Amino acid sequence: MALAVGCRAKPGKSRDNKTGSWRVFKPFFDREKCTKCGLCQTICPEGCVHETEEEFVQPDYTYCKGCGLCAEECPGEAIEMRQEEK
């Protein structure tokens, strides 16, 4: 399949494109600092942050692009962006 100039993936939702492979930085969630406010879930542009059974949040790394919005907006500073290791 040929792609248009400047295009890295065909148009569509991240659920179709598995955007996690684009990531350079990866968010790490510290449960001890997490206040369970849910802001990271709300702010995530890909909608890939989900609540666990323990009511903590965890991203689905298959779709997380590593944009860092969750870490930037976390009021408890419970999310740290780290260099992705592949």
C-alpha atoms as a PDB file:
ATOM      1  CA  MET A   1       0.000   0.000   0.000  1.00  0.00           C
ATOM      2  CA  ALA A   2       1.410   3.392  -0.973  1.00  0.00           C
ATOM      3  CA  LEU A   3       1.173   6.222   1.518  1.00  0.00           C
ATOM      4  CA  ALA A   4       0.763   9.905   0.766  1.00  0.00           C
ATOM      5  CA  VAL A   5       3.794  12.164   1.241  1.00  0.00           C
ATOM      6  CA  GLY A   6       4.253  12.929   4.936  1.00  0.00           C
ATOM      7  CA  CYS A   7       1.752  10.302   6.040  1.00  0.00           C
ATOM      8  CA  ARG A   8       2.965   7.557   8.382  1.00  0.00           C
ATOM      9  CA  ALA A   9      -0.290   5.643   8.772  1.00  0.00           C
ATOM     10  CA  LYS A  10      -3.600   5.497   6.989  1.00  0.00           C
ATOM     11  CA  PRO A  11      -6.352   7.722   8.404  1.00  0.00           C
ATOM     12  CA  GLY A  12      -8.475   6.227  11.127  1.00  0.00           C
ATOM     13  CA  LYS A  13      -8.800   5.793  14.831  1.00  0.00           C
ATOM     14  CA  SER A  14      -5.888   4.766  17.012  1.00  0.00           C
ATOM     15  CA  ARG A  15      -7.757   1.521  17.770  1.00  0.00           C
ATOM     16  CA  ASP A  16      -7.211   0.639  14.115  1.00  0.00           C
ATOM     17  CA  ASN A  17      -3.635   1.915  13.876  1.00  0.00           C
ATOM     18  CA  LYS A  18      -2.136   0.663  17.184  1.00  0.00           C
ATOM     19  CA  THR A  19      -0.344   3.952  17.755  1.00  0.00           C
ATOM     20  CA  GLY A  20       1.765   2.659  20.657  1.00  0.00           C
ATOM     21  CA  SER A  21       4.550   1.777  18.240  1.00  0.00           C
ATOM     22  CA  TRP A  22       5.122   5.515  17.647  1.00  0.00           C
ATOM     23  CA  ARG A  23       6.023   6.169  21.264  1.00  0.00           C
ATOM     24  CA  VAL A  24       9.371   7.676  22.311  1.00  0.00           C
ATOM     25  CA  PHE A  25       8.406   8.288  25.949  1.00  0.00           C
ATOM     26  CA  LYS A  26       6.250   6.000  28.076  1.00  0.00           C
ATOM     27  CA  PRO A  27       4.136   7.017  31.091  1.00  0.00           C
ATOM     28  CA  PHE A  28       4.757   5.192  34.362  1.00  0.00           C
ATOM     29  CA  PHE A  29       2.036   5.447  37.003  1.00  0.00           C
ATOM     30  CA  ASP A  30       2.978   5.565  40.708  1.00  0.00           C
ATOM     31  CA  ARG A  31       0.084   4.059  42.670  1.00  0.00           C
ATOM     32  CA  GLU A  32       1.360   5.492  45.947  1.00  0.00           C
ATOM     33  CA  LYS A  33       1.067   9.063  44.626  1.00  0.00           C
ATOM     34  CA  CYS A  34      -2.158   8.498  42.673  1.00  0.00           C
ATOM     35  CA  THR A  35      -5.221  10.190  44.179  1.00  0.00           C
ATOM     36  CA  LYS A  36      -7.595   8.355  41.784  1.00  0.00           C
ATOM     37  CA  CYS A  37      -8.932  11.672  40.478  1.00  0.00           C
ATOM     38  CA  GLY A  38      -9.383  10.308  36.944  1.00  0.00           C
ATOM     39  CA  LEU A  39      -7.969  13.402  35.231  1.00  0.00           C
ATOM     40  CA  CYS A  40      -5.487  11.314  33.233  1.00  0.00           C
ATOM     41  CA  GLN A  41      -8.396   9.246  31.926  1.00  0.00           C
ATOM     42  CA  THR A  42     -10.280  12.393  30.934  1.00  0.00           C
ATOM     43  CA  ILE A  43      -7.331  14.180  29.297  1.00  0.00           C
ATOM     44  CA  CYS A  44      -5.955  11.232  27.260  1.00  0.00           C
ATOM     45  CA  PRO A  45      -6.546  12.040  23.571  1.00  0.00           C
ATOM     46  CA  GLU A  46      -6.489   8.350  22.639  1.00  0.00           C
ATOM     47  CA  GLY A  47      -8.820   7.198  25.407  1.00  0.00           C
ATOM     48  CA  CYS A  48      -6.385   4.460  26.348  1.00  0.00           C
ATOM     49  CA  VAL A  49      -6.193   5.085  30.111  1.00  0.00           C
ATOM     50  CA  HIS A  50      -8.498   2.684  31.928  1.00  0.00           C
ATOM     51  CA  GLU A  51      -9.393   1.918  35.517  1.00  0.00           C
ATOM     52  CA  THR A  52      -8.124  -1.344  37.023  1.00  0.00           C
ATOM     53  CA  GLU A  53     -10.040  -3.582  39.422  1.00  0.00           C
ATOM     54  CA  GLU A  54      -8.314  -1.770  42.300  1.00  0.00           C
ATOM     55  CA  GLU A  55      -9.690   1.547  40.926  1.00  0.00           C
ATOM     56  CA  PHE A  56      -6.238   2.746  39.882  1.00  0.00           C
ATOM     57  CA  VAL A  57      -5.565   3.794  36.303  1.00  0.00           C
ATOM     58  CA  GLN A  58      -3.297   2.136  33.757  1.00  0.00           C
ATOM     59  CA  PRO A  59      -2.719   2.974  30.084  1.00  0.00           C
ATOM     60  CA  ASP A  60      -3.108   0.435  27.328  1.00  0.00           C
ATOM     61  CA  TYR A  61       0.418   0.690  25.935  1.00  0.00           C
ATOM     62  CA  THR A  62      -0.697  -0.787  22.609  1.00  0.00           C
ATOM     63  CA  TYR A  63      -2.413   2.533  21.890  1.00  0.00           C
ATOM     64  CA  CYS A  64      -0.583   5.031  24.120  1.00  0.00           C
ATOM     65  CA  LYS A  65       1.443   7.407  21.918  1.00  0.00           C
ATOM     66  CA  GLY A  66       3.426   8.789  24.850  1.00  0.00           C
ATOM     67  CA  CYS A  67       2.223  12.364  24.345  1.00  0.00           C
ATOM     68  CA  GLY A  68       2.685  13.121  28.053  1.00  0.00           C
ATOM     69  CA  LEU A  69      -0.581  14.991  28.573  1.00  0.00           C
ATOM     70  CA  CYS A  70      -1.510  12.663  31.433  1.00  0.00           C
ATOM     71  CA  ALA A  71       1.777  13.370  33.226  1.00  0.00           C
ATOM     72  CA  GLU A  72       1.557  17.106  32.576  1.00  0.00           C
ATOM     73  CA  GLU A  73      -1.951  17.399  34.018  1.00  0.00           C
ATOM     74  CA  CYS A  74      -1.675  14.952  36.937  1.00  0.00           C
ATOM     75  CA  PRO A  75      -2.241  17.020  40.110  1.00  0.00           C
ATOM     76  CA  GLY A  76      -0.485  14.429  42.288  1.00  0.00           C
ATOM     77  CA  GLU A  77       2.559  14.116  40.000  1.00  0.00           C
ATOM     78  CA  ALA A  78       1.915  10.378  39.973  1.00  0.00           C
ATOM     79  CA  ILE A  79       2.856   9.924  36.305  1.00  0.00           C
ATOM     80  CA  GLU A  80       6.432  10.057  35.072  1.00  0.00           C
ATOM     81  CA  MET A  81       7.410  10.007  31.422  1.00  0.00           C
ATOM     82  CA  ARG A  82      10.435   7.786  30.767  1.00  0.00           C
ATOM     83  CA  GLN A  83      12.412   7.041  27.612  1.00  0.00           C
ATOM     84  CA  GLU A  84      10.885   4.068  25.794  1.00  0.00           C
ATOM     85  CA  GLU A  85      13.088   0.989  25.631  1.00  0.00           C
ATOM     86  CA  LYS A  86      12.499  -1.149  22.562  1.00  0.00           C
END
